[in-house]
Amino acid sequence: MEHNFNRRIYNFPLLVKDIAYLLFHFPAIIGLLRNKKINKAFVERIMLVVTAVNSCPYCAWFHAHKAMQAGLTSNEIKDILNLQFSTHAQDFEIPALLFAQHYAETNRNPEPQMIEMLYKHYGNKTAKHILLIIRMIFFGNLSGNTFDAFISRCKGQKVSGSNVIFEVIFFLISAPILWPIMPYVRNYRKQ
């Protein structure tokens, strides 16, 4: 039985677009770290929600650990990765988590009323920071998934909408970062 690799991955134009976005918004990342309305636990909740939708095992492993360091329990992390976050999140955080889920589920094409709700609830500065967090984790998710796409291709799975040459180059560039953590990610997935 043949299986297809069905997670979202990068192509070259989208990768360039995301790198340019993150480089251009680098000063905003510094501002995000100073935003008193967004603590580390809130950031990790957002990252875990997007990761749950995009199914990146590397980001799930990494951000589960970061979330525990930020004070989240293992049960809360499991719930968030199952998109059951409303019982654990503060009322202030729920609109952002719902938006993050919607943003990821629509593959970066949120409905205008969802964007409006985000800005109305959080104000201009914090809403922009929340969008930046989502874009940062999207970059991580698609990077991990693209790395896995090449491995899956080597195991005989088809990767639709991809270019094998791009996958090889991406794999070679990202392997020094992701290859060493693969055993930890595998163990985490078994839990």
N, C-alpha and C. Protein backbone atom coordinates (compact mmCIF):
# COMPACT_ATOMS: atom_id res chain seq x y z
N MET A 1 0.85 -1.19 0.00
CA MET A 1 0.00 0.00 0.00
C MET A 1 0.88 1.25 0.00
N GLU A 2 0.63 2.14 -0.91
CA GLU A 2 1.44 3.34 -1.06
C GLU A 2 0.84 4.49 -0.26
N HIS A 3 1.72 5.19 0.46
CA HIS A 3 1.27 6.33 1.26
C HIS A 3 1.90 7.60 0.71
N ASN A 4 1.16 8.68 0.78
CA ASN A 4 1.69 9.97 0.39
C ASN A 4 2.06 10.77 1.63
N PHE A 5 3.10 11.56 1.51
CA PHE A 5 3.48 12.50 2.56
C PHE A 5 2.50 13.66 2.47
N ASN A 6 1.72 13.90 3.51
CA ASN A 6 0.62 14.85 3.38
C ASN A 6 0.70 16.07 4.30
N ARG A 7 1.89 16.40 4.76
CA ARG A 7 2.03 17.62 5.56
C ARG A 7 2.46 18.78 4.68
N ARG A 8 2.16 19.99 5.12
CA ARG A 8 2.56 21.18 4.37
C ARG A 8 4.08 21.31 4.40
N ILE A 9 4.62 21.65 3.25
CA ILE A 9 6.07 21.81 3.13
C ILE A 9 6.38 23.09 2.36
N TYR A 10 7.66 23.44 2.36
CA TYR A 10 8.11 24.59 1.61
C TYR A 10 8.37 24.24 0.16
N ASN A 11 8.17 25.25 -0.69
CA ASN A 11 8.76 25.26 -2.01
C ASN A 11 9.71 26.46 -1.99
N PHE A 12 10.52 26.60 -2.99
CA PHE A 12 11.53 27.66 -2.96
C PHE A 12 10.93 29.07 -2.84
N PRO A 13 9.94 29.45 -3.65
CA PRO A 13 9.40 30.81 -3.53
C PRO A 13 8.80 31.11 -2.14
N LEU A 14 8.09 30.14 -1.57
CA LEU A 14 7.49 30.36 -0.25
C LEU A 14 8.57 30.48 0.83
N LEU A 15 9.62 29.68 0.73
CA LEU A 15 10.72 29.77 1.69
C LEU A 15 11.38 31.14 1.63
N VAL A 16 11.65 31.63 0.43
CA VAL A 16 12.27 32.95 0.27
C VAL A 16 11.35 34.03 0.85
N LYS A 17 10.06 33.92 0.57
CA LYS A 17 9.08 34.89 1.08
C LYS A 17 9.08 34.92 2.61
N ASP A 18 9.09 33.73 3.23
CA ASP A 18 9.06 33.67 4.70
C ASP A 18 10.35 34.17 5.31
N ILE A 19 11.49 33.83 4.73
CA ILE A 19 12.76 34.33 5.25
C ILE A 19 12.80 35.85 5.15
N ALA A 20 12.38 36.40 4.03
CA ALA A 20 12.34 37.85 3.86
C ALA A 20 11.43 38.50 4.89
N TYR A 21 10.26 37.90 5.12
CA TYR A 21 9.31 38.43 6.11
C TYR A 21 9.96 38.46 7.50
N LEU A 22 10.58 37.37 7.89
CA LEU A 22 11.17 37.30 9.23
C LEU A 22 12.35 38.25 9.37
N LEU A 23 13.17 38.37 8.35
CA LEU A 23 14.29 39.31 8.41
C LEU A 23 13.79 40.75 8.49
N PHE A 24 12.79 41.08 7.70
CA PHE A 24 12.23 42.43 7.71
C PHE A 24 11.61 42.76 9.06
N HIS A 25 11.01 41.77 9.70
CA HIS A 25 10.32 41.98 10.97
C HIS A 25 11.19 41.66 12.19
N PHE A 26 12.49 41.49 11.99
CA PHE A 26 13.37 41.16 13.10
C PHE A 26 13.27 42.17 14.25
N PRO A 27 13.24 43.48 13.96
CA PRO A 27 13.08 44.43 15.08
C PRO A 27 11.78 44.21 15.86
N ALA A 28 10.73 43.78 15.19
CA ALA A 28 9.46 43.51 15.88
C ALA A 28 9.58 42.30 16.81
N ILE A 29 10.47 41.37 16.47
CA ILE A 29 10.69 40.22 17.35
C ILE A 29 11.26 40.70 18.68
N ILE A 30 12.15 41.67 18.63
CA ILE A 30 12.71 42.27 19.85
C ILE A 30 11.58 42.94 20.64
N GLY A 31 10.71 43.67 19.94
CA GLY A 31 9.57 44.31 20.60
C GLY A 31 8.62 43.30 21.21
N LEU A 32 8.44 42.19 20.55
CA LEU A 32 7.59 41.12 21.06
C LEU A 32 8.08 40.63 22.41
N LEU A 33 9.38 40.50 22.55
CA LEU A 33 9.95 40.03 23.81
C LEU A 33 9.70 41.00 24.96
N ARG A 34 9.42 42.24 24.63
CA ARG A 34 9.17 43.27 25.66
C ARG A 34 7.69 43.53 25.90
N ASN A 35 6.83 42.87 25.15
CA ASN A 35 5.39 43.08 25.28
C ASN A 35 4.89 42.40 26.55
N LYS A 36 4.47 43.18 27.51
CA LYS A 36 4.05 42.66 28.82
C LYS A 36 2.74 41.87 28.75
N LYS A 37 1.98 42.02 27.66
CA LYS A 37 0.72 41.28 27.51
C LYS A 37 0.95 39.85 27.03
N ILE A 38 2.17 39.56 26.56
CA ILE A 38 2.47 38.25 25.99
C ILE A 38 3.62 37.62 26.78
N ASN A 39 3.27 36.70 27.68
CA ASN A 39 4.33 36.01 28.44
C ASN A 39 4.76 34.74 27.71
N LYS A 40 5.77 34.07 28.25
CA LYS A 40 6.33 32.88 27.59
C LYS A 40 5.30 31.77 27.45
N ALA A 41 4.46 31.58 28.45
CA ALA A 41 3.44 30.52 28.39
C ALA A 41 2.46 30.81 27.25
N PHE A 42 2.07 32.07 27.08
CA PHE A 42 1.15 32.46 26.02
C PHE A 42 1.79 32.20 24.65
N VAL A 43 3.06 32.57 24.50
CA VAL A 43 3.78 32.33 23.25
C VAL A 43 3.80 30.84 22.93
N GLU A 44 4.11 30.02 23.93
CA GLU A 44 4.19 28.58 23.70
C GLU A 44 2.82 27.98 23.37
N ARG A 45 1.77 28.49 23.98
CA ARG A 45 0.43 28.00 23.64
C ARG A 45 0.12 28.27 22.16
N ILE A 46 0.44 29.48 21.70
CA ILE A 46 0.21 29.83 20.30
C ILE A 46 1.03 28.91 19.39
N MET A 47 2.29 28.72 19.74
CA MET A 47 3.17 27.89 18.91
C MET A 47 2.69 26.44 18.87
N LEU A 48 2.21 25.94 20.00
CA LEU A 48 1.72 24.55 20.03
C LEU A 48 0.44 24.39 19.22
N VAL A 49 -0.44 25.39 19.24
CA VAL A 49 -1.67 25.30 18.46
C VAL A 49 -1.36 25.23 16.97
N VAL A 50 -0.49 26.11 16.49
CA VAL A 50 -0.13 26.10 15.06
C VAL A 50 0.57 24.79 14.71
N THR A 51 1.45 24.35 15.59
CA THR A 51 2.16 23.09 15.38
C THR A 51 1.20 21.92 15.31
N ALA A 52 0.16 21.94 16.13
CA ALA A 52 -0.83 20.87 16.11
C ALA A 52 -1.50 20.77 14.74
N VAL A 53 -1.79 21.89 14.14
CA VAL A 53 -2.43 21.90 12.82
C VAL A 53 -1.45 21.47 11.73
N ASN A 54 -0.21 21.97 11.80
CA ASN A 54 0.77 21.69 10.75
C ASN A 54 1.53 20.37 10.95
N SER A 55 1.36 19.74 12.10
CA SER A 55 1.90 18.40 12.38
C SER A 55 3.41 18.28 12.24
N CYS A 56 4.16 19.25 12.72
CA CYS A 56 5.62 19.16 12.69
C CYS A 56 6.11 18.47 13.96
N PRO A 57 6.67 17.28 13.85
CA PRO A 57 7.11 16.58 15.05
C PRO A 57 8.28 17.27 15.76
N TYR A 58 9.15 17.94 15.03
CA TYR A 58 10.29 18.62 15.63
C TYR A 58 9.82 19.80 16.48
N CYS A 59 8.88 20.56 15.94
CA CYS A 59 8.34 21.71 16.68
C CYS A 59 7.51 21.24 17.87
N ALA A 60 6.78 20.14 17.72
CA ALA A 60 6.00 19.61 18.84
C ALA A 60 6.93 19.23 19.99
N TRP A 61 8.00 18.53 19.67
CA TRP A 61 8.97 18.13 20.69
C TRP A 61 9.61 19.36 21.35
N PHE A 62 10.13 20.26 20.53
CA PHE A 62 10.85 21.43 21.04
C PHE A 62 9.93 22.33 21.88
N HIS A 63 8.76 22.63 21.34
CA HIS A 63 7.87 23.56 22.04
C HIS A 63 7.15 22.91 23.22
N ALA A 64 7.04 21.61 23.24
CA ALA A 64 6.53 20.95 24.45
C ALA A 64 7.52 21.17 25.60
N HIS A 65 8.80 21.05 25.31
CA HIS A 65 9.82 21.31 26.34
C HIS A 65 9.83 22.78 26.75
N LYS A 66 9.75 23.67 25.79
CA LYS A 66 9.72 25.11 26.11
C LYS A 66 8.46 25.45 26.91
N ALA A 67 7.35 24.82 26.59
CA ALA A 67 6.11 25.07 27.30
C ALA A 67 6.21 24.60 28.76
N MET A 68 6.83 23.46 28.97
CA MET A 68 7.02 22.98 30.35
C MET A 68 7.90 23.95 31.14
N GLN A 69 8.93 24.48 30.49
CA GLN A 69 9.78 25.47 31.14
C GLN A 69 9.00 26.75 31.46
N ALA A 70 7.99 27.03 30.66
CA ALA A 70 7.17 28.23 30.87
C ALA A 70 6.04 27.98 31.87
N GLY A 71 5.93 26.75 32.39
CA GLY A 71 4.96 26.46 33.43
C GLY A 71 3.75 25.65 33.03
N LEU A 72 3.66 25.22 31.77
CA LEU A 72 2.53 24.40 31.35
C LEU A 72 2.74 22.95 31.82
N THR A 73 1.66 22.28 32.14
CA THR A 73 1.76 20.88 32.56
C THR A 73 1.78 19.97 31.34
N SER A 74 2.19 18.73 31.54
CA SER A 74 2.22 17.80 30.41
C SER A 74 0.80 17.53 29.90
N ASN A 75 -0.19 17.49 30.80
CA ASN A 75 -1.58 17.30 30.36
C ASN A 75 -2.05 18.48 29.53
N GLU A 76 -1.70 19.68 29.94
CA GLU A 76 -2.09 20.87 29.17
C GLU A 76 -1.45 20.84 27.79
N ILE A 77 -0.19 20.47 27.72
CA ILE A 77 0.50 20.40 26.43
C ILE A 77 -0.16 19.37 25.52
N LYS A 78 -0.48 18.21 26.06
CA LYS A 78 -1.17 17.18 25.27
C LYS A 78 -2.51 17.69 24.77
N ASP A 79 -3.25 18.37 25.65
CA ASP A 79 -4.54 18.92 25.24
C ASP A 79 -4.39 19.94 24.12
N ILE A 80 -3.40 20.82 24.25
CA ILE A 80 -3.19 21.84 23.21
C ILE A 80 -2.83 21.17 21.89
N LEU A 81 -1.97 20.16 21.94
CA LEU A 81 -1.59 19.47 20.71
C LEU A 81 -2.76 18.68 20.11
N ASN A 82 -3.80 18.48 20.90
CA ASN A 82 -5.06 17.90 20.40
C ASN A 82 -6.11 18.97 20.14
N LEU A 83 -5.67 20.22 20.15
CA LEU A 83 -6.52 21.41 19.93
C LEU A 83 -7.66 21.51 20.94
N GLN A 84 -7.40 21.07 22.16
CA GLN A 84 -8.35 21.20 23.27
C GLN A 84 -7.76 22.17 24.27
N PHE A 85 -7.67 23.43 23.90
CA PHE A 85 -6.95 24.39 24.72
C PHE A 85 -7.83 25.28 25.59
N SER A 86 -9.11 25.29 25.36
CA SER A 86 -9.97 26.27 26.04
C SER A 86 -10.07 26.06 27.55
N THR A 87 -9.88 24.84 28.04
CA THR A 87 -9.98 24.62 29.49
C THR A 87 -8.74 25.08 30.24
N HIS A 88 -7.62 25.22 29.53
CA HIS A 88 -6.37 25.58 30.19
C HIS A 88 -5.99 27.05 30.00
N ALA A 89 -6.39 27.63 28.90
CA ALA A 89 -5.97 28.99 28.56
C ALA A 89 -6.76 30.02 29.36
N GLN A 90 -6.13 31.16 29.57
CA GLN A 90 -6.81 32.28 30.20
C GLN A 90 -7.77 32.90 29.18
N ASP A 91 -8.81 33.54 29.69
CA ASP A 91 -9.78 34.18 28.80
C ASP A 91 -9.11 35.14 27.82
N PHE A 92 -8.08 35.83 28.29
CA PHE A 92 -7.36 36.78 27.44
C PHE A 92 -6.69 36.08 26.26
N GLU A 93 -6.28 34.82 26.43
CA GLU A 93 -5.52 34.11 25.41
C GLU A 93 -6.39 33.40 24.37
N ILE A 94 -7.60 33.05 24.73
CA ILE A 94 -8.44 32.22 23.86
C ILE A 94 -8.65 32.81 22.46
N PRO A 95 -8.96 34.11 22.33
CA PRO A 95 -9.11 34.63 20.96
C PRO A 95 -7.85 34.45 20.10
N ALA A 96 -6.68 34.62 20.69
CA ALA A 96 -5.43 34.43 19.94
C ALA A 96 -5.24 32.98 19.55
N LEU A 97 -5.58 32.07 20.45
CA LEU A 97 -5.42 30.65 20.15
C LEU A 97 -6.40 30.20 19.08
N LEU A 98 -7.62 30.70 19.14
CA LEU A 98 -8.60 30.41 18.09
C LEU A 98 -8.14 30.97 16.75
N PHE A 99 -7.59 32.19 16.78
CA PHE A 99 -7.08 32.79 15.55
C PHE A 99 -5.91 31.99 15.00
N ALA A 100 -4.99 31.58 15.88
CA ALA A 100 -3.83 30.80 15.44
C ALA A 100 -4.28 29.50 14.78
N GLN A 101 -5.25 28.84 15.37
CA GLN A 101 -5.77 27.61 14.78
C GLN A 101 -6.40 27.90 13.41
N HIS A 102 -7.21 28.95 13.34
CA HIS A 102 -7.86 29.32 12.08
C HIS A 102 -6.82 29.68 11.02
N TYR A 103 -5.81 30.45 11.40
CA TYR A 103 -4.76 30.87 10.48
C TYR A 103 -4.05 29.65 9.89
N ALA A 104 -3.74 28.68 10.76
CA ALA A 104 -3.06 27.48 10.29
C ALA A 104 -3.98 26.61 9.45
N GLU A 105 -5.21 26.44 9.89
CA GLU A 105 -6.15 25.58 9.15
C GLU A 105 -6.46 26.14 7.76
N THR A 106 -6.44 27.46 7.62
CA THR A 106 -6.70 28.08 6.32
C THR A 106 -5.41 28.28 5.53
N ASN A 107 -4.30 27.73 6.03
CA ASN A 107 -3.00 27.85 5.38
C ASN A 107 -2.65 29.29 5.03
N ARG A 108 -2.69 30.14 6.07
CA ARG A 108 -2.30 31.56 5.98
C ARG A 108 -3.32 32.45 5.29
N ASN A 109 -4.54 32.00 5.18
CA ASN A 109 -5.58 32.80 4.54
C ASN A 109 -6.76 33.00 5.48
N PRO A 110 -6.53 33.69 6.59
CA PRO A 110 -7.63 33.86 7.54
C PRO A 110 -8.73 34.75 6.97
N GLU A 111 -9.93 34.50 7.44
CA GLU A 111 -11.05 35.32 7.02
C GLU A 111 -10.89 36.73 7.60
N PRO A 112 -11.30 37.75 6.84
CA PRO A 112 -11.13 39.13 7.30
C PRO A 112 -11.74 39.40 8.68
N GLN A 113 -12.90 38.78 8.98
CA GLN A 113 -13.51 39.02 10.28
C GLN A 113 -12.67 38.44 11.42
N MET A 114 -11.90 37.40 11.15
CA MET A 114 -11.01 36.84 12.17
C MET A 114 -9.84 37.79 12.44
N ILE A 115 -9.32 38.38 11.39
CA ILE A 115 -8.24 39.36 11.57
C ILE A 115 -8.77 40.56 12.34
N GLU A 116 -9.95 41.01 11.97
CA GLU A 116 -10.57 42.14 12.66
C GLU A 116 -10.79 41.83 14.14
N MET A 117 -11.25 40.63 14.44
CA MET A 117 -11.46 40.22 15.83
C MET A 117 -10.15 40.25 16.60
N LEU A 118 -9.07 39.79 15.99
CA LEU A 118 -7.76 39.78 16.64
C LEU A 118 -7.32 41.19 17.01
N TYR A 119 -7.42 42.11 16.05
CA TYR A 119 -6.99 43.50 16.29
C TYR A 119 -7.91 44.19 17.29
N LYS A 120 -9.19 43.90 17.22
CA LYS A 120 -10.15 44.52 18.14
C LYS A 120 -9.90 44.06 19.57
N HIS A 121 -9.61 42.79 19.75
CA HIS A 121 -9.42 42.24 21.09
C HIS A 121 -8.08 42.65 21.70
N TYR A 122 -7.02 42.68 20.90
CA TYR A 122 -5.67 42.88 21.44
C TYR A 122 -5.06 44.24 21.17
N GLY A 123 -5.64 45.00 20.26
CA GLY A 123 -5.02 46.26 19.88
C GLY A 123 -3.95 46.03 18.83
N ASN A 124 -3.52 47.08 18.19
CA ASN A 124 -2.62 47.00 17.05
C ASN A 124 -1.29 46.32 17.39
N LYS A 125 -0.62 46.78 18.44
CA LYS A 125 0.72 46.27 18.77
C LYS A 125 0.70 44.78 19.12
N THR A 126 -0.17 44.39 20.02
CA THR A 126 -0.19 43.00 20.47
C THR A 126 -0.71 42.08 19.37
N ALA A 127 -1.67 42.53 18.58
CA ALA A 127 -2.16 41.71 17.46
C ALA A 127 -1.04 41.46 16.46
N LYS A 128 -0.25 42.48 16.16
CA LYS A 128 0.88 42.30 15.25
C LYS A 128 1.90 41.32 15.83
N HIS A 129 2.11 41.39 17.14
CA HIS A 129 3.03 40.46 17.77
C HIS A 129 2.51 39.02 17.71
N ILE A 130 1.22 38.85 17.90
CA ILE A 130 0.62 37.51 17.81
C ILE A 130 0.78 36.97 16.38
N LEU A 131 0.53 37.80 15.38
CA LEU A 131 0.74 37.37 14.00
C LEU A 131 2.20 37.00 13.74
N LEU A 132 3.12 37.74 14.34
CA LEU A 132 4.54 37.45 14.18
C LEU A 132 4.89 36.09 14.80
N ILE A 133 4.34 35.81 15.98
CA ILE A 133 4.56 34.50 16.61
C ILE A 133 4.05 33.39 15.68
N ILE A 134 2.88 33.59 15.12
CA ILE A 134 2.30 32.59 14.22
C ILE A 134 3.18 32.40 12.99
N ARG A 135 3.68 33.49 12.43
CA ARG A 135 4.54 33.38 11.24
C ARG A 135 5.87 32.71 11.58
N MET A 136 6.40 32.97 12.77
CA MET A 136 7.66 32.34 13.17
C MET A 136 7.49 30.83 13.30
N ILE A 137 6.40 30.40 13.94
CA ILE A 137 6.21 28.96 14.11
C ILE A 137 5.84 28.30 12.79
N PHE A 138 5.15 29.01 11.92
CA PHE A 138 4.87 28.47 10.58
C PHE A 138 6.19 28.17 9.87
N PHE A 139 7.15 29.07 10.00
CA PHE A 139 8.48 28.86 9.40
C PHE A 139 9.11 27.59 9.97
N GLY A 140 9.06 27.44 11.28
CA GLY A 140 9.61 26.24 11.90
C GLY A 140 8.88 24.98 11.47
N ASN A 141 7.55 25.04 11.47
CA ASN A 141 6.74 23.87 11.08
C ASN A 141 7.05 23.42 9.66
N LEU A 142 7.02 24.34 8.72
CA LEU A 142 7.25 23.96 7.33
C LEU A 142 8.70 23.53 7.10
N SER A 143 9.62 24.09 7.87
CA SER A 143 11.02 23.66 7.76
C SER A 143 11.15 22.21 8.21
N GLY A 144 10.60 21.88 9.37
CA GLY A 144 10.66 20.50 9.85
C GLY A 144 9.95 19.54 8.92
N ASN A 145 8.81 19.95 8.41
CA ASN A 145 8.06 19.08 7.50
C ASN A 145 8.79 18.87 6.17
N THR A 146 9.47 19.91 5.69
CA THR A 146 10.21 19.78 4.43
C THR A 146 11.40 18.83 4.61
N PHE A 147 12.05 18.92 5.76
CA PHE A 147 13.13 17.99 6.10
C PHE A 147 12.59 16.55 6.08
N ASP A 148 11.44 16.34 6.73
CA ASP A 148 10.82 15.02 6.77
C ASP A 148 10.34 14.55 5.40
N ALA A 149 9.96 15.48 4.54
CA ALA A 149 9.48 15.11 3.20
C ALA A 149 10.56 14.37 2.43
N PHE A 150 11.80 14.85 2.54
CA PHE A 150 12.89 14.18 1.83
C PHE A 150 13.13 12.78 2.40
N ILE A 151 13.09 12.65 3.72
CA ILE A 151 13.26 11.34 4.35
C ILE A 151 12.15 10.40 3.90
N SER A 152 10.94 10.90 3.86
CA SER A 152 9.80 10.09 3.42
C SER A 152 9.94 9.68 1.96
N ARG A 153 10.42 10.59 1.15
CA ARG A 153 10.64 10.27 -0.27
C ARG A 153 11.67 9.14 -0.40
N CYS A 154 12.70 9.19 0.43
CA CYS A 154 13.72 8.13 0.40
C CYS A 154 13.14 6.78 0.83
N LYS A 155 12.05 6.80 1.60
CA LYS A 155 11.39 5.58 2.05
C LYS A 155 10.29 5.14 1.08
N GLY A 156 10.15 5.85 -0.03
CA GLY A 156 9.20 5.45 -1.05
C GLY A 156 7.86 6.17 -1.03
N GLN A 157 7.69 7.13 -0.12
CA GLN A 157 6.43 7.88 -0.11
C GLN A 157 6.48 8.98 -1.15
N LYS A 158 5.36 9.20 -1.79
CA LYS A 158 5.26 10.31 -2.73
C LYS A 158 5.07 11.61 -1.95
N VAL A 159 5.69 12.65 -2.47
CA VAL A 159 5.54 13.98 -1.89
C VAL A 159 4.97 14.87 -2.98
N SER A 160 3.67 15.11 -2.92
CA SER A 160 3.04 15.88 -3.98
C SER A 160 3.35 17.36 -3.84
N GLY A 161 3.46 18.01 -4.98
CA GLY A 161 3.69 19.45 -5.00
C GLY A 161 5.09 19.83 -4.59
N SER A 162 6.03 18.94 -4.71
CA SER A 162 7.39 19.23 -4.28
C SER A 162 8.38 18.98 -5.41
N ASN A 163 9.55 19.51 -5.22
CA ASN A 163 10.63 19.35 -6.17
C ASN A 163 11.76 18.63 -5.47
N VAL A 164 12.17 17.49 -5.98
CA VAL A 164 13.17 16.67 -5.31
C VAL A 164 14.50 17.40 -5.15
N ILE A 165 14.87 18.22 -6.11
CA ILE A 165 16.13 18.96 -6.02
C ILE A 165 16.07 19.96 -4.86
N PHE A 166 14.96 20.67 -4.75
CA PHE A 166 14.78 21.59 -3.62
C PHE A 166 14.82 20.83 -2.31
N GLU A 167 14.14 19.68 -2.24
CA GLU A 167 14.14 18.87 -1.02
C GLU A 167 15.55 18.46 -0.61
N VAL A 168 16.35 18.02 -1.58
CA VAL A 168 17.72 17.59 -1.28
C VAL A 168 18.53 18.76 -0.72
N ILE A 169 18.45 19.90 -1.38
CA ILE A 169 19.20 21.08 -0.91
C ILE A 169 18.72 21.49 0.47
N PHE A 170 17.41 21.53 0.67
CA PHE A 170 16.86 21.91 1.97
C PHE A 170 17.30 20.91 3.05
N PHE A 171 17.27 19.62 2.71
CA PHE A 171 17.68 18.58 3.65
C PHE A 171 19.13 18.77 4.06
N LEU A 172 20.00 19.02 3.10
CA LEU A 172 21.42 19.19 3.40
C LEU A 172 21.69 20.41 4.28
N ILE A 173 20.93 21.46 4.05
CA ILE A 173 21.11 22.68 4.86
C ILE A 173 20.56 22.48 6.26
N SER A 174 19.42 21.82 6.38
CA SER A 174 18.78 21.69 7.70
C SER A 174 19.23 20.47 8.50
N ALA A 175 19.88 19.51 7.86
CA ALA A 175 20.29 18.28 8.55
C ALA A 175 21.18 18.52 9.77
N PRO A 176 22.13 19.45 9.73
CA PRO A 176 22.95 19.66 10.93
C PRO A 176 22.14 20.09 12.16
N ILE A 177 21.00 20.69 11.94
CA ILE A 177 20.16 21.13 13.05
C ILE A 177 19.17 20.02 13.45
N LEU A 178 18.51 19.41 12.48
CA LEU A 178 17.41 18.49 12.77
C LEU A 178 17.83 17.03 12.94
N TRP A 179 18.87 16.59 12.24
CA TRP A 179 19.28 15.19 12.34
C TRP A 179 19.64 14.80 13.77
N PRO A 180 20.41 15.61 14.51
CA PRO A 180 20.78 15.20 15.87
C PRO A 180 19.59 15.07 16.84
N ILE A 181 18.50 15.76 16.58
CA ILE A 181 17.37 15.67 17.52
C ILE A 181 16.35 14.61 17.11
N MET A 182 16.56 13.96 15.97
CA MET A 182 15.60 12.96 15.51
C MET A 182 15.32 11.86 16.54
N PRO A 183 16.33 11.31 17.24
CA PRO A 183 16.02 10.27 18.24
C PRO A 183 15.12 10.78 19.37
N TYR A 184 15.33 12.03 19.78
CA TYR A 184 14.50 12.61 20.84
C TYR A 184 13.06 12.79 20.36
N VAL A 185 12.92 13.22 19.12
CA VAL A 185 11.60 13.42 18.54
C VAL A 185 10.87 12.08 18.41
N ARG A 186 11.58 11.05 17.97
CA ARG A 186 10.97 9.71 17.87
C ARG A 186 10.48 9.23 19.23
N ASN A 187 11.30 9.39 20.27
CA ASN A 187 10.91 8.98 21.62
C ASN A 187 9.71 9.78 22.11
N TYR A 188 9.70 11.06 21.81
CA TYR A 188 8.58 11.91 22.22
C TYR A 188 7.29 11.49 21.55
N ARG A 189 7.37 11.13 20.28
CA ARG A 189 6.17 10.71 19.54
C ARG A 189 5.59 9.41 20.09
N LYS A 190 6.45 8.56 20.64
CA LYS A 190 5.99 7.28 21.20
C LYS A 190 5.24 7.46 22.52
N GLN A 191 5.49 8.57 23.20
CA GLN A 191 4.87 8.82 24.52
C GLN A 191 3.39 9.10 24.40
